[in-house]
Amino acid sequence: MKTLLRRASAPDLGDRLEAHRAKLANKHRVRNGAQLVSLVDTLGFCFAFSGEPAYPVPAAFDHLSTNSEHKKWDWMWPWKDELPEAKKLYYGKLLVKKPTFVSMKMLPTFYATFGRAGETDDHLDDVRAGRLSDLARRVVEYLAHRGETQKKRMRADLGIESKEGRGDLERAIEELQRLMYVARVKAVGERSDDYNYTYDLFVRRYPETVRAAERLGSADASAAVLRRLIELAGGVSAKQVQRLFDWDDERSARTIAQLEAKRAVVRVDDLLVLPDLAR
């Protein structure tokens, strides 16, 4: 094994990872919404727009069949609203707080990583642990009572008027999306001054996802999400894993060890690499 790792750490490993990612980027070309859904179904998850250089996660923009940045935005801006509203894919700020697409098939696995029961008061554990702000708690409890609501109406009902308060609400909603307590439902409004989103509790928007997640343990779900990440990226560092999924050291180490025990990943210096690429 030591010999294997020494060979794998040679300079050509970077070339192998680059070729692996390039092959993935070139495999699917997207020109319409149906092709975007097919792409996300194949990948499992990806960044919704441009990529993030620090994280080797596929980005939808890299698969669009045009070199025009203007056309990319013309295509993606309505798709990001229409396709999730139709429940053909999931859209939310999930990975490192960046807009993320997740396939409907993969969505229960993501939800199961949190190990929750799917009850409307699950958020209280995160509030007590300091992972959610008091404003986030108020948003959850407001939606639990009111149901699907436009953000502007929510802001008014919660008595948020200042610019600082609006920023706090935006951050609270983003955090609730990342932890899958709240989900975006649809976009409303035509002009920039009245363009708005409606939100609801994740468990009410995606009850079928919550039911499917009940059959998955959080440890196995975490391992499945990590394994898919490594299959997409070819290789990632433990630090990248932690930051992408917002896992602490213990959880990250435990999940990595689970994949190592199954020989689904090998360590090469500070990277977790697909076995086929480490040879």
Protein backbone atom coordinates (compact mmCIF):
# COMPACT_ATOMS: atom_id res chain seq x y z
CA MET A 1 0.00 0.00 0.00
CA LYS A 2 2.84 2.42 0.80
CA THR A 3 4.28 1.84 -2.67
CA LEU A 4 0.88 2.53 -4.19
CA LEU A 5 0.56 5.82 -2.33
CA ARG A 6 4.05 6.94 -3.28
CA ARG A 7 3.33 6.34 -6.96
CA ALA A 8 -0.04 8.02 -6.74
CA SER A 9 1.48 11.13 -5.20
CA ALA A 10 3.64 11.67 -8.28
CA PRO A 11 3.01 14.88 -10.25
CA ASP A 12 0.67 13.12 -12.73
CA LEU A 13 -2.05 12.73 -10.09
CA GLY A 14 -3.02 16.35 -10.64
CA ASP A 15 -3.25 15.67 -14.37
CA ARG A 16 -5.45 12.64 -13.73
CA LEU A 17 -7.81 14.64 -11.55
CA GLU A 18 -7.99 17.42 -14.11
CA ALA A 19 -8.73 14.92 -16.91
CA HIS A 20 -11.37 13.21 -14.77
CA ARG A 21 -13.17 16.51 -14.14
CA ALA A 22 -12.84 17.66 -17.75
CA LYS A 23 -14.34 14.40 -19.02
CA LEU A 24 -17.30 14.91 -16.73
CA ALA A 25 -17.74 18.52 -17.86
CA ASN A 26 -17.69 17.54 -21.53
CA LYS A 27 -19.99 14.54 -21.21
CA HIS A 28 -23.27 16.49 -20.97
CA ARG A 29 -24.24 19.57 -22.95
CA VAL A 30 -27.31 21.52 -21.87
CA ARG A 31 -29.51 23.70 -24.08
CA ASN A 32 -32.92 23.39 -22.42
CA GLY A 33 -34.59 22.72 -19.09
CA ALA A 34 -35.14 19.01 -19.72
CA GLN A 35 -31.43 18.55 -20.43
CA LEU A 36 -30.57 20.41 -17.22
CA VAL A 37 -32.80 18.04 -15.23
CA SER A 38 -31.08 15.09 -16.92
CA LEU A 39 -27.67 16.54 -16.02
CA VAL A 40 -28.57 17.02 -12.35
CA ASP A 41 -30.12 13.55 -12.23
CA THR A 42 -26.84 12.12 -13.53
CA LEU A 43 -24.56 14.15 -11.26
CA GLY A 44 -26.70 13.96 -8.13
CA PHE A 45 -25.78 17.51 -7.19
CA CYS A 46 -23.83 20.48 -8.57
CA PHE A 47 -23.41 24.20 -8.16
CA ALA A 48 -26.35 25.92 -9.84
CA PHE A 49 -24.35 28.56 -11.66
CA SER A 50 -20.59 29.12 -11.83
CA GLY A 51 -18.17 26.95 -9.93
CA GLU A 52 -16.14 27.75 -6.85
CA PRO A 53 -12.35 27.41 -7.50
CA ALA A 54 -11.69 26.18 -3.96
CA TYR A 55 -14.10 23.26 -4.33
CA PRO A 56 -14.01 20.68 -7.17
CA VAL A 57 -17.79 20.37 -7.51
CA PRO A 58 -19.34 20.41 -11.01
CA ALA A 59 -21.07 23.65 -11.98
CA ALA A 60 -24.10 23.87 -14.25
CA PHE A 61 -22.56 26.74 -16.23
CA ASP A 62 -19.72 24.45 -17.33
CA HIS A 63 -22.23 22.21 -19.10
CA LEU A 64 -24.23 24.87 -20.95
CA SER A 65 -23.82 24.61 -24.71
CA THR A 66 -22.86 28.21 -25.31
CA ASN A 67 -19.83 30.41 -24.74
CA SER A 68 -21.97 33.49 -24.14
CA GLU A 69 -22.17 34.47 -20.47
CA HIS A 70 -25.23 36.56 -21.28
CA LYS A 71 -27.03 33.58 -22.80
CA LYS A 72 -26.05 31.36 -19.87
CA TRP A 73 -27.84 33.71 -17.49
CA ASP A 74 -30.79 34.06 -19.88
CA TRP A 75 -31.19 30.28 -19.78
CA MET A 76 -30.48 29.59 -16.13
CA TRP A 77 -32.35 32.43 -14.48
CA PRO A 78 -35.86 31.14 -15.33
CA TRP A 79 -34.82 27.46 -15.06
CA LYS A 80 -33.74 27.92 -11.44
CA ASP A 81 -37.32 28.95 -10.61
CA GLU A 82 -39.45 26.89 -12.99
CA LEU A 83 -37.81 23.48 -12.51
CA PRO A 84 -37.81 23.47 -8.68
CA GLU A 85 -41.39 24.77 -8.64
CA ALA A 86 -42.34 21.73 -10.74
CA LYS A 87 -40.27 19.54 -8.38
CA LYS A 88 -38.07 18.35 -11.24
CA LEU A 89 -34.98 19.27 -9.22
CA TYR A 90 -34.15 20.97 -5.92
CA TYR A 91 -32.61 24.42 -5.69
CA GLY A 92 -31.27 26.10 -2.57
CA LYS A 93 -28.16 27.50 -0.93
CA LEU A 94 -26.75 24.21 0.25
CA LEU A 95 -23.03 23.64 -0.43
CA VAL A 96 -20.81 26.32 1.15
CA LYS A 97 -23.87 28.60 1.07
CA LYS A 98 -23.79 28.69 -2.74
CA PRO A 99 -26.84 28.05 -4.93
CA THR A 100 -26.96 24.30 -5.47
CA PHE A 101 -29.02 21.91 -7.59
CA VAL A 102 -29.82 18.46 -6.18
CA SER A 103 -31.61 15.70 -8.04
CA MET A 104 -34.94 14.62 -6.61
CA LYS A 105 -33.55 11.10 -6.26
CA MET A 106 -30.57 12.35 -4.23
CA LEU A 107 -32.58 14.78 -2.12
CA PRO A 108 -33.69 12.24 0.54
CA THR A 109 -30.04 11.28 1.07
CA PHE A 110 -29.08 14.90 1.68
CA TYR A 111 -31.97 15.34 4.09
CA ALA A 112 -31.11 12.11 5.91
CA THR A 113 -27.59 13.36 6.67
CA PHE A 114 -29.13 15.59 9.35
CA GLY A 115 -30.61 12.61 11.18
CA ARG A 116 -33.88 14.35 11.96
CA ALA A 117 -37.34 12.93 12.55
CA GLY A 118 -39.01 15.32 10.13
CA GLU A 119 -41.12 17.01 12.80
CA THR A 120 -41.98 20.71 12.79
CA ASP A 121 -40.09 21.28 16.06
CA ASP A 122 -36.83 19.62 14.96
CA HIS A 123 -35.25 23.07 14.68
CA LEU A 124 -35.27 23.57 18.45
CA ASP A 125 -32.26 21.31 18.91
CA ASP A 126 -30.25 23.54 16.56
CA VAL A 127 -31.52 26.67 18.31
CA ARG A 128 -30.40 25.33 21.70
CA ALA A 129 -27.04 24.33 20.24
CA GLY A 130 -26.51 27.83 18.82
CA ARG A 131 -26.58 26.69 15.19
CA LEU A 132 -29.70 28.75 14.48
CA SER A 133 -30.39 32.32 15.47
CA ASP A 134 -33.50 33.44 17.30
CA LEU A 135 -34.67 35.10 14.09
CA ALA A 136 -34.31 31.76 12.27
CA ARG A 137 -36.45 30.19 14.99
CA ARG A 138 -39.09 32.86 14.45
CA VAL A 139 -39.09 32.21 10.69
CA VAL A 140 -39.65 28.47 11.20
CA GLU A 141 -42.44 29.03 13.68
CA TYR A 142 -44.02 31.71 11.48
CA LEU A 143 -44.10 29.36 8.46
CA ALA A 144 -45.36 26.50 10.61
CA HIS A 145 -48.32 28.71 11.51
CA ARG A 146 -48.90 30.61 8.25
CA GLY A 147 -47.79 28.12 5.60
CA GLU A 148 -46.25 29.16 2.28
CA THR A 149 -45.57 32.91 2.40
CA GLN A 150 -43.82 35.54 0.31
CA LYS A 151 -40.66 36.89 1.87
CA LYS A 152 -41.95 40.47 1.72
CA ARG A 153 -45.08 39.49 3.63
CA MET A 154 -43.01 37.52 6.13
CA ARG A 155 -40.73 40.49 6.68
CA ALA A 156 -43.69 42.78 7.34
CA ASP A 157 -45.41 40.34 9.68
CA LEU A 158 -42.20 39.84 11.66
CA GLY A 159 -41.84 43.61 12.04
CA ILE A 160 -38.56 43.83 10.13
CA GLU A 161 -38.14 47.28 8.59
CA SER A 162 -34.50 48.34 8.81
CA LYS A 163 -31.84 47.57 6.22
CA GLU A 164 -29.87 45.71 8.88
CA GLY A 165 -32.95 43.68 9.82
CA ARG A 166 -33.53 42.76 6.17
CA GLY A 167 -29.97 41.49 5.94
CA ASP A 168 -30.46 39.45 9.10
CA LEU A 169 -33.61 37.89 7.64
CA GLU A 170 -31.83 37.02 4.41
CA ARG A 171 -29.04 35.30 6.34
CA ALA A 172 -31.55 33.47 8.54
CA ILE A 173 -33.39 32.12 5.49
CA GLU A 174 -30.13 31.07 3.85
CA GLU A 175 -29.10 29.19 7.00
CA LEU A 176 -32.50 27.52 7.20
CA GLN A 177 -32.15 26.45 3.57
CA ARG A 178 -28.70 25.02 4.21
CA LEU A 179 -30.03 22.98 7.12
CA MET A 180 -33.13 22.02 5.11
CA TYR A 181 -35.66 23.50 7.50
CA VAL A 182 -37.04 25.93 4.91
CA ALA A 183 -37.38 25.54 1.15
CA ARG A 184 -37.99 27.99 -1.64
CA VAL A 185 -41.29 27.25 -3.39
CA LYS A 186 -41.62 29.68 -6.29
CA ALA A 187 -40.77 33.10 -7.63
CA VAL A 188 -43.44 35.77 -7.90
CA GLY A 189 -43.47 39.21 -9.52
CA GLU A 190 -42.35 40.40 -12.92
CA ARG A 191 -40.31 43.56 -12.28
CA SER A 192 -37.09 43.87 -10.31
CA ASP A 193 -38.82 46.00 -7.69
CA ASP A 194 -41.46 43.35 -6.89
CA TYR A 195 -39.56 40.14 -7.71
CA ASN A 196 -39.95 37.95 -4.68
CA TYR A 197 -39.85 34.35 -3.45
CA THR A 198 -42.28 32.32 -1.42
CA TYR A 199 -41.00 29.91 1.23
CA ASP A 200 -42.41 27.06 3.24
CA LEU A 201 -41.16 24.46 5.69
CA PHE A 202 -39.07 21.80 3.96
CA VAL A 203 -41.13 19.01 5.55
CA ARG A 204 -44.32 20.50 4.11
CA ARG A 205 -42.88 21.29 0.69
CA TYR A 206 -41.19 17.89 0.28
CA PRO A 207 -43.12 15.35 2.40
CA GLU A 208 -42.22 12.54 0.00
CA THR A 209 -38.54 13.34 0.48
CA VAL A 210 -38.88 13.27 4.27
CA ARG A 211 -40.66 9.89 4.12
CA ALA A 212 -37.96 8.42 1.87
CA ALA A 213 -35.25 9.75 4.21
CA GLU A 214 -36.76 7.81 7.12
CA ARG A 215 -35.34 4.61 5.63
CA LEU A 216 -31.79 6.00 5.65
CA GLY A 217 -29.49 6.33 8.65
CA SER A 218 -27.56 9.58 8.91
CA ALA A 219 -24.17 7.80 8.88
CA ASP A 220 -24.94 5.87 5.69
CA ALA A 221 -26.49 8.96 4.09
CA SER A 222 -23.38 11.01 4.87
CA ALA A 223 -21.18 8.29 3.40
CA ALA A 224 -23.31 8.20 0.24
CA VAL A 225 -23.10 11.98 -0.22
CA LEU A 226 -19.35 11.96 0.34
CA ARG A 227 -18.84 9.03 -2.00
CA ARG A 228 -20.73 10.85 -4.73
CA LEU A 229 -18.63 13.97 -4.19
CA ILE A 230 -15.43 11.99 -4.62
CA GLU A 231 -16.81 10.27 -7.72
CA LEU A 232 -17.53 13.69 -9.22
CA ALA A 233 -14.31 15.39 -8.16
CA GLY A 234 -11.91 12.46 -8.41
CA GLY A 235 -10.21 13.66 -5.26
CA VAL A 236 -10.87 16.12 -2.45
CA SER A 237 -9.21 17.08 0.81
CA ALA A 238 -10.76 16.41 4.20
CA LYS A 239 -10.88 20.16 4.76
CA GLN A 240 -12.87 20.65 1.56
CA VAL A 241 -15.32 17.97 2.70
CA GLN A 242 -15.84 19.69 6.04
CA ARG A 243 -16.44 23.09 4.50
CA LEU A 244 -18.70 21.87 1.71
CA PHE A 245 -21.02 19.94 4.01
CA ASP A 246 -20.40 21.98 7.17
CA TRP A 247 -19.31 18.87 9.11
CA ASP A 248 -17.22 18.98 12.26
CA ASP A 249 -13.92 17.10 12.60
CA GLU A 250 -15.49 14.06 14.25
CA ARG A 251 -18.22 13.57 11.71
CA SER A 252 -15.90 14.12 8.79
CA ALA A 253 -13.33 11.63 10.13
CA ARG A 254 -16.00 9.04 10.88
CA THR A 255 -17.54 9.29 7.40
CA ILE A 256 -14.17 9.15 5.66
CA ALA A 257 -13.20 6.10 7.71
CA GLN A 258 -16.42 4.39 6.63
CA LEU A 259 -15.50 4.83 2.96
CA GLU A 260 -11.91 3.77 3.56
CA ALA A 261 -13.12 0.57 5.20
CA LYS A 262 -15.10 -0.19 2.05
CA ARG A 263 -12.07 0.69 -0.10
CA ALA A 264 -14.15 3.29 -1.89
CA VAL A 265 -11.41 5.88 -1.37
CA VAL A 266 -7.67 5.96 -0.68
CA ARG A 267 -5.53 8.67 0.85
CA VAL A 268 -2.85 10.30 -1.26
CA ASP A 269 -0.97 12.85 0.77
CA ASP A 270 -3.78 15.19 1.93
CA LEU A 271 -6.32 14.04 -0.68
CA LEU A 272 -9.09 11.44 -0.64
CA VAL A 273 -8.90 9.90 -4.09
CA LEU A 274 -10.84 7.39 -6.16
CA PRO A 275 -8.85 4.13 -6.15
CA ASP A 276 -8.73 4.00 -9.96
CA LEU A 277 -7.10 7.44 -10.10
CA ALA A 278 -4.55 6.60 -7.43
CA ARG A 279 -2.92 3.87 -9.49
